C-alpha atoms as a PDB file:
ATOM      1  CA  MET A   1     -34.067 -38.664  33.034  1.00  0.00           C
ATOM      2  CA  ASN A   2     -37.062 -39.551  31.011  1.00  0.00           C
ATOM      3  CA  LEU A   3     -38.099 -40.208  27.684  1.00  0.00           C
ATOM      4  CA  VAL A   4     -41.771 -38.497  27.376  1.00  0.00           C
ATOM      5  CA  SER A   5     -41.019 -36.950  23.538  1.00  0.00           C
ATOM      6  CA  LEU A   6     -38.263 -35.789  21.798  1.00  0.00           C
ATOM      7  CA  LYS A   7     -38.664 -32.072  22.678  1.00  0.00           C
ATOM      8  CA  GLU A   8     -36.687 -32.562  25.652  1.00  0.00           C
ATOM      9  CA  TRP A   9     -33.691 -34.248  24.243  1.00  0.00           C
ATOM     10  CA  ASP A  10     -30.960 -33.011  22.347  1.00  0.00           C
ATOM     11  CA  LYS A  11     -29.097 -33.570  19.136  1.00  0.00           C
ATOM     12  CA  GLU A  12     -26.772 -35.220  21.478  1.00  0.00           C
ATOM     13  CA  ASN A  13     -29.168 -37.288  23.390  1.00  0.00           C
ATOM     14  CA  ILE A  14     -30.461 -38.849  20.679  1.00  0.00           C
ATOM     15  CA  GLU A  15     -27.417 -39.343  18.775  1.00  0.00           C
ATOM     16  CA  SER A  16     -26.107 -41.097  21.705  1.00  0.00           C
ATOM     17  CA  VAL A  17     -29.060 -43.636  21.963  1.00  0.00           C
ATOM     18  CA  ILE A  18     -28.820 -44.246  17.885  1.00  0.00           C
ATOM     19  CA  ASP A  19     -25.046 -45.146  18.540  1.00  0.00           C
ATOM     20  CA  LYS A  20     -25.278 -47.479  21.701  1.00  0.00           C
ATOM     21  CA  ALA A  21     -28.160 -49.195  19.647  1.00  0.00           C
ATOM     22  CA  ILE A  22     -26.192 -50.023  16.785  1.00  0.00           C
ATOM     23  CA  TYR A  23     -23.402 -51.376  18.767  1.00  0.00           C
ATOM     24  CA  ILE A  24     -25.307 -53.451  21.095  1.00  0.00           C
ATOM     25  CA  LYS A  25     -27.014 -54.810  17.724  1.00  0.00           C
ATOM     26  CA  ASN A  26     -23.290 -55.662  16.749  1.00  0.00           C
ATOM     27  CA  HIS A  27     -22.059 -56.981  20.034  1.00  0.00           C
ATOM     28  CA  GLN A  28     -25.432 -58.328  21.750  1.00  0.00           C
ATOM     29  CA  SER A  29     -23.129 -61.136  23.949  1.00  0.00           C
ATOM     30  CA  GLU A  30     -21.760 -58.673  25.343  1.00  0.00           C
ATOM     31  CA  PHE A  31     -25.113 -57.256  27.225  1.00  0.00           C
ATOM     32  CA  HIS A  32     -26.843 -60.683  28.360  1.00  0.00           C
ATOM     33  CA  ASN A  33     -26.136 -59.597  32.166  1.00  0.00           C
ATOM     34  CA  THR A  34     -26.105 -56.248  32.229  1.00  0.00           C
ATOM     35  CA  LEU A  35     -29.260 -55.666  34.286  1.00  0.00           C
ATOM     36  CA  PRO A  36     -29.311 -58.514  36.613  1.00  0.00           C
ATOM     37  CA  LYS A  37     -31.875 -58.396  39.636  1.00  0.00           C
ATOM     38  CA  LYS A  38     -33.497 -54.959  37.612  1.00  0.00           C
ATOM     39  CA  SER A  39     -37.332 -54.795  36.519  1.00  0.00           C
ATOM     40  CA  MET A  40     -38.832 -53.128  34.348  1.00  0.00           C
ATOM     41  CA  ALA A  41     -42.864 -51.957  35.282  1.00  0.00           C
ATOM     42  CA  MET A  42     -45.114 -52.603  31.016  1.00  0.00           C
ATOM     43  CA  LEU A  43     -48.290 -50.102  31.884  1.00  0.00           C
ATOM     44  CA  PHE A  44     -50.304 -50.906  28.323  1.00  0.00           C
ATOM     45  CA  GLN A  45     -53.828 -49.364  27.638  1.00  0.00           C
ATOM     46  CA  LYS A  46     -53.121 -49.510  23.473  1.00  0.00           C
ATOM     47  CA  THR A  47     -52.776 -52.516  21.778  1.00  0.00           C
ATOM     48  CA  SER A  48     -49.907 -53.598  20.765  1.00  0.00           C
ATOM     49  CA  THR A  49     -47.450 -55.806  19.196  1.00  0.00           C
ATOM     50  CA  ARG A  50     -43.978 -54.725  19.048  1.00  0.00           C
ATOM     51  CA  THR A  51     -43.860 -52.206  21.693  1.00  0.00           C
ATOM     52  CA  ARG A  52     -44.536 -54.879  24.338  1.00  0.00           C
ATOM     53  CA  VAL A  53     -42.713 -57.678  22.279  1.00  0.00           C
ATOM     54  CA  SER A  54     -38.996 -55.240  21.866  1.00  0.00           C
ATOM     55  CA  PHE A  55     -39.562 -53.878  25.251  1.00  0.00           C
ATOM     56  CA  GLU A  56     -39.983 -57.518  27.348  1.00  0.00           C
ATOM     57  CA  VAL A  57     -37.941 -59.584  25.150  1.00  0.00           C
ATOM     58  CA  GLY A  58     -35.084 -56.688  25.313  1.00  0.00           C
ATOM     59  CA  MET A  59     -35.318 -56.829  28.957  1.00  0.00           C
ATOM     60  CA  THR A  60     -35.054 -59.909  29.115  1.00  0.00           C
ATOM     61  CA  GLN A  61     -32.030 -60.592  27.163  1.00  0.00           C
ATOM     62  CA  LEU A  62     -30.338 -57.427  29.375  1.00  0.00           C
ATOM     63  CA  GLY A  63     -30.649 -59.771  31.901  1.00  0.00           C
ATOM     64  CA  GLY A  64     -33.553 -57.919  33.221  1.00  0.00           C
ATOM     65  CA  HIS A  65     -37.332 -59.267  34.782  1.00  0.00           C
ATOM     66  CA  ALA A  66     -39.780 -57.507  32.499  1.00  0.00           C
ATOM     67  CA  LEU A  67     -43.642 -57.182  34.612  1.00  0.00           C
ATOM     68  CA  PHE A  68     -46.348 -56.498  31.721  1.00  0.00           C
ATOM     69  CA  ILE A  69     -49.235 -54.673  33.572  1.00  0.00           C
ATOM     70  CA  GLU A  70     -53.112 -54.666  31.171  1.00  0.00           C
ATOM     71  CA  TRP A  71     -54.227 -50.795  32.259  1.00  0.00           C
ATOM     72  CA  ARG A  72     -58.058 -51.956  32.494  1.00  0.00           C
ATOM     73  CA  ASN A  73     -57.455 -55.119  35.191  1.00  0.00           C
ATOM     74  CA  SER A  74     -54.972 -52.843  37.419  1.00  0.00           C
ATOM     75  CA  ASN A  75     -55.977 -50.319  40.149  1.00  0.00           C
ATOM     76  CA  PHE A  76     -55.406 -47.389  37.440  1.00  0.00           C
ATOM     77  CA  VAL A  77     -59.099 -47.978  36.303  1.00  0.00           C
ATOM     78  CA  LEU A  78     -59.902 -46.945  40.092  1.00  0.00           C
ATOM     79  CA  SER A  79     -57.674 -44.646  41.389  1.00  0.00           C
ATOM     80  CA  GLU A  80     -55.773 -41.365  40.689  1.00  0.00           C
ATOM     81  CA  ILE A  81     -52.698 -42.017  38.468  1.00  0.00           C
ATOM     82  CA  LYS A  82     -50.389 -40.257  40.787  1.00  0.00           C
ATOM     83  CA  ASP A  83     -51.268 -42.688  43.420  1.00  0.00           C
ATOM     84  CA  GLU A  84     -51.013 -45.751  41.298  1.00  0.00           C
ATOM     85  CA  ILE A  85     -47.708 -44.364  40.314  1.00  0.00           C
ATOM     86  CA  ARG A  86     -45.942 -43.631  43.532  1.00  0.00           C
ATOM     87  CA  TYR A  87     -46.212 -46.938  44.939  1.00  0.00           C
ATOM     88  CA  LEU A  88     -45.031 -48.858  41.104  1.00  0.00           C
ATOM     89  CA  SER A  89     -42.364 -47.069  40.719  1.00  0.00           C
ATOM     90  CA  ARG A  90     -40.896 -47.975  44.522  1.00  0.00           C
ATOM     91  CA  ASN A  91     -41.273 -51.947  43.438  1.00  0.00           C
ATOM     92  CA  VAL A  92     -39.399 -51.157  39.913  1.00  0.00           C
ATOM     93  CA  ASP A  93     -36.227 -49.671  38.612  1.00  0.00           C
ATOM     94  CA  ILE A  94     -37.922 -48.207  35.354  1.00  0.00           C
ATOM     95  CA  ILE A  95     -41.408 -47.579  33.770  1.00  0.00           C
ATOM     96  CA  MET A  96     -42.921 -48.196  30.055  1.00  0.00           C
ATOM     97  CA  ALA A  97     -45.954 -46.510  29.716  1.00  0.00           C
ATOM     98  CA  ARG A  98     -48.186 -46.920  26.341  1.00  0.00           C
ATOM     99  CA  LEU A  99     -51.395 -44.852  27.181  1.00  0.00           C
ATOM    100  CA  PHE A 100     -54.178 -43.043  25.478  1.00  0.00           C
ATOM    101  CA  LYS A 101     -53.497 -39.975  26.398  1.00  0.00           C
ATOM    102  CA  ASN A 102     -50.256 -37.690  26.673  1.00  0.00           C
ATOM    103  CA  GLU A 103     -51.515 -36.012  29.740  1.00  0.00           C
ATOM    104  CA  ASP A 104     -51.122 -38.989  31.829  1.00  0.00           C
ATOM    105  CA  ILE A 105     -47.902 -39.729  29.958  1.00  0.00           C
ATOM    106  CA  LEU A 106     -46.879 -36.312  31.624  1.00  0.00           C
ATOM    107  CA  THR A 107     -48.607 -37.280  35.122  1.00  0.00           C
ATOM    108  CA  LEU A 108     -46.886 -40.758  35.354  1.00  0.00           C
ATOM    109  CA  SER A 109     -43.180 -39.009  34.549  1.00  0.00           C
ATOM    110  CA  LYS A 110     -44.060 -36.677  37.381  1.00  0.00           C
ATOM    111  CA  TYR A 111     -44.556 -38.805  40.147  1.00  0.00           C
ATOM    112  CA  SER A 112     -42.525 -41.955  38.929  1.00  0.00           C
ATOM    113  CA  SER A 113     -39.670 -42.105  41.544  1.00  0.00           C
ATOM    114  CA  VAL A 114     -37.540 -44.031  38.279  1.00  0.00           C
ATOM    115  CA  PRO A 115     -37.105 -43.016  34.533  1.00  0.00           C
ATOM    116  CA  MET A 116     -40.200 -43.634  32.903  1.00  0.00           C
ATOM    117  CA  ILE A 117     -40.591 -43.765  28.428  1.00  0.00           C
ATOM    118  CA  ASN A 118     -43.128 -43.151  26.576  1.00  0.00           C
ATOM    119  CA  GLY A 119     -44.263 -46.271  24.577  1.00  0.00           C
ATOM    120  CA  CYS A 120     -46.612 -44.112  22.782  1.00  0.00           C
ATOM    121  CA  CYS A 121     -49.928 -41.909  23.245  1.00  0.00           C
ATOM    122  CA  GLU A 122     -51.993 -39.997  20.865  1.00  0.00           C
ATOM    123  CA  LYS A 123     -49.144 -37.138  20.628  1.00  0.00           C
ATOM    124  CA  PHE A 124     -45.823 -39.033  20.265  1.00  0.00           C
ATOM    125  CA  HIS A 125     -44.152 -41.588  19.983  1.00  0.00           C
ATOM    126  CA  PRO A 126     -40.502 -41.300  20.673  1.00  0.00           C
ATOM    127  CA  CYS A 127     -39.077 -44.847  20.777  1.00  0.00           C
ATOM    128  CA  GLN A 128     -40.139 -45.207  17.278  1.00  0.00           C
ATOM    129  CA  ILE A 129     -38.665 -42.232  15.535  1.00  0.00           C
ATOM    130  CA  LEU A 130     -34.872 -43.599  17.883  1.00  0.00           C
ATOM    131  CA  THR A 131     -35.602 -46.562  15.437  1.00  0.00           C
ATOM    132  CA  ASP A 132     -36.497 -44.709  12.485  1.00  0.00           C
ATOM    133  CA  PHE A 133     -33.206 -42.901  12.979  1.00  0.00           C
ATOM    134  CA  LEU A 134     -31.346 -46.007  13.697  1.00  0.00           C
ATOM    135  CA  THR A 135     -32.664 -47.755  10.427  1.00  0.00           C
ATOM    136  CA  ILE A 136     -31.678 -44.714   8.313  1.00  0.00           C
ATOM    137  CA  LYS A 137     -28.057 -44.585   9.709  1.00  0.00           C
ATOM    138  CA  GLU A 138     -27.243 -47.853   9.043  1.00  0.00           C
ATOM    139  CA  LYS A 139     -28.504 -47.693   5.303  1.00  0.00           C
ATOM    140  CA  PHE A 140     -27.228 -43.897   4.661  1.00  0.00           C
ATOM    141  CA  GLY A 141     -24.025 -43.885   7.100  1.00  0.00           C
ATOM    142  CA  LYS A 142     -25.778 -40.630   8.702  1.00  0.00           C
ATOM    143  CA  LEU A 143     -28.733 -38.574   9.192  1.00  0.00           C
ATOM    144  CA  LYS A 144     -27.733 -35.347   8.855  1.00  0.00           C
ATOM    145  CA  ASP A 145     -29.187 -34.019   5.158  1.00  0.00           C
ATOM    146  CA  VAL A 146     -31.002 -37.884   4.195  1.00  0.00           C
ATOM    147  CA  THR A 147     -34.304 -36.463   2.544  1.00  0.00           C
ATOM    148  CA  LEU A 148     -37.265 -38.435   4.203  1.00  0.00           C
ATOM    149  CA  VAL A 149     -41.024 -38.000   2.923  1.00  0.00           C
ATOM    150  CA  TYR A 150     -43.550 -38.835   5.059  1.00  0.00           C
ATOM    151  CA  THR A 151     -46.933 -39.231   3.553  1.00  0.00           C
ATOM    152  CA  GLY A 152     -50.503 -39.904   5.102  1.00  0.00           C
ATOM    153  CA  ILE A 153     -51.824 -38.638   8.163  1.00  0.00           C
ATOM    154  CA  HIS A 154     -50.542 -36.030  10.746  1.00  0.00           C
ATOM    155  CA  ASN A 155     -50.374 -37.837  13.773  1.00  0.00           C
ATOM    156  CA  ASN A 156     -48.189 -38.879  17.148  1.00  0.00           C
ATOM    157  CA  VAL A 157     -45.606 -40.549  14.419  1.00  0.00           C
ATOM    158  CA  CYS A 158     -45.569 -37.545  12.196  1.00  0.00           C
ATOM    159  CA  ASN A 159     -45.021 -35.219  15.285  1.00  0.00           C
ATOM    160  CA  SER A 160     -42.229 -37.082  16.607  1.00  0.00           C
ATOM    161  CA  LEU A 161     -40.683 -37.364  13.342  1.00  0.00           C
ATOM    162  CA  ILE A 162     -40.694 -33.123  12.960  1.00  0.00           C
ATOM    163  CA  LEU A 163     -39.173 -32.926  16.857  1.00  0.00           C
ATOM    164  CA  GLY A 164     -36.397 -35.612  15.902  1.00  0.00           C
ATOM    165  CA  ALA A 165     -35.383 -34.623  12.329  1.00  0.00           C
ATOM    166  CA  SER A 166     -35.029 -30.576  13.734  1.00  0.00           C
ATOM    167  CA  LYS A 167     -32.496 -31.639  16.005  1.00  0.00           C
ATOM    168  CA  VAL A 168     -29.993 -34.142  13.739  1.00  0.00           C
ATOM    169  CA  GLY A 169     -30.499 -32.556  10.328  1.00  0.00           C
ATOM    170  CA  ILE A 170     -32.260 -34.549   8.198  1.00  0.00           C
ATOM    171  CA  ASN A 171     -34.464 -33.276   5.570  1.00  0.00           C
ATOM    172  CA  LEU A 172     -38.108 -33.437   6.351  1.00  0.00           C
ATOM    173  CA  ILE A 173     -41.021 -33.358   3.525  1.00  0.00           C
ATOM    174  CA  LEU A 174     -44.580 -33.764   4.801  1.00  0.00           C
ATOM    175  CA  VAL A 175     -47.226 -35.134   1.849  1.00  0.00           C
ATOM    176  CA  THR A 176     -50.121 -34.861   4.829  1.00  0.00           C
ATOM    177  CA  PRO A 177     -53.515 -33.511   3.778  1.00  0.00           C
ATOM    178  CA  GLU A 178     -55.474 -34.590   7.440  1.00  0.00           C
ATOM    179  CA  THR A 179     -54.270 -33.778  10.852  1.00  0.00           C
ATOM    180  CA  HIS A 180     -55.386 -36.654  13.704  1.00  0.00           C
ATOM    181  CA  ASN A 181     -56.876 -33.519  15.548  1.00  0.00           C
ATOM    182  CA  PRO A 182     -55.976 -35.160  18.586  1.00  0.00           C
ATOM    183  CA  CYS A 183     -51.842 -34.901  18.038  1.00  0.00           C
ATOM    184  CA  MET A 184     -51.941 -31.239  17.554  1.00  0.00           C
ATOM    185  CA  ASP A 185     -49.370 -29.807  19.746  1.00  0.00           C
ATOM    186  CA  GLN A 186     -48.075 -25.966  19.222  1.00  0.00           C
ATOM    187  CA  ASP A 187     -44.759 -26.612  20.034  1.00  0.00           C
ATOM    188  CA  VAL A 188     -44.856 -28.990  16.641  1.00  0.00           C
ATOM    189  CA  LEU A 189     -46.557 -26.347  14.543  1.00  0.00           C
ATOM    190  CA  ASN A 190     -44.061 -23.686  15.648  1.00  0.00           C
ATOM    191  CA  ILE A 191     -41.433 -26.126  14.249  1.00  0.00           C
ATOM    192  CA  MET A 192     -42.837 -26.700  11.020  1.00  0.00           C
ATOM    193  CA  ASP A 193     -43.176 -22.762  10.765  1.00  0.00           C
ATOM    194  CA  ASN A 194     -39.788 -21.742  11.203  1.00  0.00           C
ATOM    195  CA  ASN A 195     -37.765 -24.872  10.321  1.00  0.00           C
ATOM    196  CA  PRO A 196     -36.448 -24.515   6.801  1.00  0.00           C
ATOM    197  CA  ASN A 197     -35.536 -28.191   6.509  1.00  0.00           C
ATOM    198  CA  ILE A 198     -39.054 -28.820   7.528  1.00  0.00           C
ATOM    199  CA  THR A 199     -41.566 -28.581   4.270  1.00  0.00           C
ATOM    200  CA  LYS A 200     -45.014 -29.709   2.989  1.00  0.00           C
ATOM    201  CA  MET A 201     -46.202 -30.665  -0.714  1.00  0.00           C
ATOM    202  CA  GLY A 202     -49.149 -31.678  -1.980  1.00  0.00           C
ATOM    203  CA  SER A 203     -47.984 -34.202  -4.390  1.00  0.00           C
ATOM    204  CA  LEU A 204     -46.229 -37.806  -3.418  1.00  0.00           C
ATOM    205  CA  LYS A 205     -44.989 -38.595  -6.793  1.00  0.00           C
ATOM    206  CA  LYS A 206     -43.130 -34.622  -6.469  1.00  0.00           C
ATOM    207  CA  ALA A 207     -41.958 -35.368  -3.434  1.00  0.00           C
ATOM    208  CA  VAL A 208     -40.395 -39.005  -3.659  1.00  0.00           C
ATOM    209  CA  LYS A 209     -38.703 -37.729  -6.847  1.00  0.00           C
ATOM    210  CA  ASN A 210     -35.296 -36.990  -5.378  1.00  0.00           C
ATOM    211  CA  ALA A 211     -36.145 -38.490  -1.767  1.00  0.00           C
ATOM    212  CA  ASP A 212     -33.766 -41.218  -0.080  1.00  0.00           C
ATOM    213  CA  ILE A 213     -36.957 -43.026   1.786  1.00  0.00           C
ATOM    214  CA  VAL A 214     -40.365 -42.909   1.790  1.00  0.00           C
ATOM    215  CA  TYR A 215     -42.311 -43.086   4.981  1.00  0.00           C
ATOM    216  CA  THR A 216     -46.316 -44.024   6.031  1.00  0.00           C
ATOM    217  CA  ASP A 217     -48.142 -45.081   8.662  1.00  0.00           C
ATOM    218  CA  SER A 218     -51.947 -46.100   9.324  1.00  0.00           C
ATOM    219  CA  TRP A 219     -54.328 -43.505   8.120  1.00  0.00           C
ATOM    220  CA  ILE A 220     -56.547 -45.071  11.128  1.00  0.00           C
ATOM    221  CA  ASP A 221     -55.494 -45.351  14.368  1.00  0.00           C
ATOM    222  CA  MET A 222     -54.929 -49.330  15.231  1.00  0.00           C
ATOM    223  CA  GLU A 223     -57.714 -48.770  18.200  1.00  0.00           C
ATOM    224  CA  TYR A 224     -60.377 -47.319  15.541  1.00  0.00           C
ATOM    225  CA  PHE A 225     -59.614 -49.946  12.501  1.00  0.00           C
ATOM    226  CA  ASN A 226     -62.077 -52.268  12.765  1.00  0.00           C
ATOM    227  CA  ASP A 227     -64.405 -50.664  14.433  1.00  0.00           C
ATOM    228  CA  PRO A 228     -68.197 -50.423  13.093  1.00  0.00           C
ATOM    229  CA  ALA A 229     -68.818 -46.969  14.434  1.00  0.00           C
ATOM    230  CA  PHE A 230     -65.764 -45.226  12.571  1.00  0.00           C
ATOM    231  CA  GLU A 231     -66.639 -46.839   9.432  1.00  0.00           C
ATOM    232  CA  GLN A 232     -67.999 -43.812   8.048  1.00  0.00           C
ATOM    233  CA  GLU A 233     -64.694 -41.674   8.871  1.00  0.00           C
ATOM    234  CA  LYS A 234     -63.380 -44.779   7.971  1.00  0.00           C
ATOM    235  CA  GLN A 235     -64.042 -44.630   4.477  1.00  0.00           C
ATOM    236  CA  ARG A 236     -63.836 -40.707   4.253  1.00  0.00           C
ATOM    237  CA  ARG A 237     -60.178 -40.933   4.972  1.00  0.00           C
ATOM    238  CA  ILE A 238     -59.756 -43.859   2.835  1.00  0.00           C
ATOM    239  CA  LYS A 239     -61.149 -41.517  -0.344  1.00  0.00           C
ATOM    240  CA  THR A 240     -59.473 -38.750   0.902  1.00  0.00           C
ATOM    241  CA  MET A 241     -56.078 -39.799   1.050  1.00  0.00           C
ATOM    242  CA  MET A 242     -55.560 -42.895  -1.438  1.00  0.00           C
ATOM    243  CA  PRO A 243     -53.066 -40.224  -3.750  1.00  0.00           C
ATOM    244  CA  CYS A 244     -50.591 -40.583  -0.729  1.00  0.00           C
ATOM    245  CA  GLN A 245     -50.550 -44.435  -1.024  1.00  0.00           C
ATOM    246  CA  ILE A 246     -47.473 -45.609  -0.974  1.00  0.00           C
ATOM    247  CA  ASN A 247     -47.691 -47.730  -4.380  1.00  0.00           C
ATOM    248  CA  LYS A 248     -46.085 -48.349  -8.063  1.00  0.00           C
ATOM    249  CA  MET A 249     -46.852 -45.444  -9.733  1.00  0.00           C
ATOM    250  CA  ASN A 250     -46.632 -42.874  -6.879  1.00  0.00           C
ATOM    251  CA  LEU A 251     -43.139 -43.628  -7.005  1.00  0.00           C
ATOM    252  CA  ILE A 252     -42.158 -44.350 -10.754  1.00  0.00           C
ATOM    253  CA  GLU A 253     -39.622 -41.653 -10.817  1.00  0.00           C
ATOM    254  CA  SER A 254     -38.269 -42.587  -7.195  1.00  0.00           C
ATOM    255  CA  LYS A 255     -35.613 -44.860  -6.024  1.00  0.00           C
ATOM    256  CA  ALA A 256     -36.328 -43.849  -1.941  1.00  0.00           C
ATOM    257  CA  LEU A 257     -36.253 -47.270   0.185  1.00  0.00           C
ATOM    258  CA  ILE A 258     -39.743 -48.042   2.023  1.00  0.00           C
ATOM    259  CA  MET A 259     -40.457 -47.473   5.149  1.00  0.00           C
ATOM    260  CA  HIS A 260     -43.714 -48.001   7.443  1.00  0.00           C
ATOM    261  CA  ASP A 261     -43.944 -48.738  11.538  1.00  0.00           C
ATOM    262  CA  MET A 262     -45.824 -51.219  11.333  1.00  0.00           C
ATOM    263  CA  PRO A 263     -49.403 -52.045  11.689  1.00  0.00           C
ATOM    264  CA  ILE A 264     -50.183 -52.744   7.825  1.00  0.00           C
ATOM    265  CA  HIS A 265     -52.972 -52.352   6.620  1.00  0.00           C
ATOM    266  CA  GLU A 266     -52.361 -53.735   2.922  1.00  0.00           C
ATOM    267  CA  GLY A 267     -53.823 -51.888   0.287  1.00  0.00           C
ATOM    268  CA  TYR A 268     -54.499 -48.571   1.731  1.00  0.00           C
ATOM    269  CA  GLU A 269     -51.711 -46.732   2.855  1.00  0.00           C
ATOM    270  CA  ILE A 270     -49.263 -49.164   1.363  1.00  0.00           C
ATOM    271  CA  THR A 271     -50.026 -51.912  -1.544  1.00  0.00           C
ATOM    272  CA  ARG A 272     -48.509 -55.670  -1.402  1.00  0.00           C
ATOM    273  CA  GLU A 273     -46.267 -55.051  -4.000  1.00  0.00           C
ATOM    274  CA  MET A 274     -44.450 -51.858  -2.325  1.00  0.00           C
ATOM    275  CA  ILE A 275     -44.007 -54.188   1.198  1.00  0.00           C
ATOM    276  CA  GLU A 276     -42.558 -56.835  -0.616  1.00  0.00           C
ATOM    277  CA  SER A 277     -39.859 -54.605  -2.942  1.00  0.00           C
ATOM    278  CA  ASP A 278     -36.379 -54.575  -2.667  1.00  0.00           C
ATOM    279  CA  ARG A 279     -36.636 -51.193  -1.624  1.00  0.00           C
ATOM    280  CA  SER A 280     -38.861 -52.496   1.500  1.00  0.00           C
ATOM    281  CA  ILE A 281     -36.902 -51.830   5.009  1.00  0.00           C
ATOM    282  CA  ILE A 282     -39.865 -52.324   6.418  1.00  0.00           C
ATOM    283  CA  PHE A 283     -38.906 -55.815   8.280  1.00  0.00           C
ATOM    284  CA  ASP A 284     -35.370 -54.206   8.875  1.00  0.00           C
ATOM    285  CA  GLN A 285     -37.000 -51.052  11.023  1.00  0.00           C
ATOM    286  CA  SER A 286     -39.512 -53.211  12.945  1.00  0.00           C
ATOM    287  CA  GLU A 287     -36.690 -55.269  14.058  1.00  0.00           C
ATOM    288  CA  ASN A 288     -34.585 -52.489  15.168  1.00  0.00           C
ATOM    289  CA  ARG A 289     -37.213 -51.779  17.839  1.00  0.00           C
ATOM    290  CA  LEU A 290     -35.478 -54.265  20.067  1.00  0.00           C
ATOM    291  CA  HIS A 291     -31.855 -52.515  19.378  1.00  0.00           C
ATOM    292  CA  VAL A 292     -33.160 -49.316  20.380  1.00  0.00           C
ATOM    293  CA  GLN A 293     -35.430 -50.172  23.372  1.00  0.00           C
ATOM    294  CA  LYS A 294     -32.380 -52.019  24.815  1.00  0.00           C
ATOM    295  CA  ALA A 295     -30.385 -48.501  24.265  1.00  0.00           C
ATOM    296  CA  ILE A 296     -32.888 -46.543  26.314  1.00  0.00           C
ATOM    297  CA  ILE A 297     -33.878 -48.829  28.744  1.00  0.00           C
ATOM    298  CA  LEU A 298     -29.773 -48.953  29.327  1.00  0.00           C
ATOM    299  CA  LYS A 299     -29.103 -44.775  28.913  1.00  0.00           C
ATOM    300  CA  LEU A 300     -31.732 -44.390  31.466  1.00  0.00           C
ATOM    301  CA  LEU A 301     -30.554 -46.786  33.726  1.00  0.00           C
ATOM    302  CA  ASN A 302     -26.976 -44.803  33.540  1.00  0.00           C
ATOM    303  CA  VAL A 303     -25.526 -48.593  32.351  1.00  0.00           C
ATOM    304  CA  PHE A 304     -24.564 -47.942  29.219  1.00  0.00           C
END
C-alpha cells in the first residue's frame, strides 16, 4: 500500500489514519519502540521544513531511523529513476519522496518494493490534507458536514482538499480566482463538477459568513517566491489575489477558525493580525504533521 494521492484511499483509510493519529498524539510513550531497526529513506527535490522535521522526528520517536537524501547530491540526477529506486527500496523499509513532478512520484511507487509516501509534488499534497483533517476533527469532533472555505490559488493543496473532502463529507467552498496550471488534474475537475458539497464562490467575505474554517496557502510556490525571474508574475498574482487575503475586513462577519499549511508569507495571503488571532489554529495544524506522519508510516507498514 502506498500514499501517492488521496485518489486511491477510500473514506475508511482516511479516517483510520486520522483516528490512529489522534490516539498516537495522546499516547506517545506507547509508540517509542514500535519500529526498532526499521529505516525510512526521505528523498527531497523540494525545500522543506515541516515535511522533513515531522517525518524524521516521527521516525526517531517510533524507534526507527530516517535517512535524508538530497536529490541533487545523489545518483538520481544521473540514472533512471526506476533503477535507483529499485536499489534504494532494497535497503530500507519505507520511502517518502518530496519531488517536483507527480510523474516521478508515480514512477517511484511503481518500482519501489516497499511502501512509498508522496511528501508533496506539483499536483498533490496528501500528507498535509490528512493533517488538516486531524486538526478539524480535534476542533469539531467530526469531519462530515464541517464547512471549510479554501481561499487562494487552486494548487496541489486545493486538489488534495477536493479529493479528501469528497470522501469524508466536508462541505468545501473554493474562492480560487486562479489555477496553478501544473497542478491541473482531470479527476479533480470531474469531482468539482459532480459533487454537490464542493462549490465555488467569488467573494471571500460572503463565503466565510457561515463557515467553520477558512484556509489559505501561499499564492506563489516556495521555489519561486524569492526568484527575481518570477518577480513580474509574483506581482501580477498579488494584485489578482489580494481580495482573497485572510484579513480582518474579509472575516468581519465570520467566526471561522483560521488555517494555513505554512510557510506563511505575511502580508500576502494572510495578515499578521490574523496569524496571531485567537481564531488561528495554524500552529496546532502544523504540530499535527508529526502525529499524522507517524500514523501514515505505521499504517503502511501494517504495524498499527
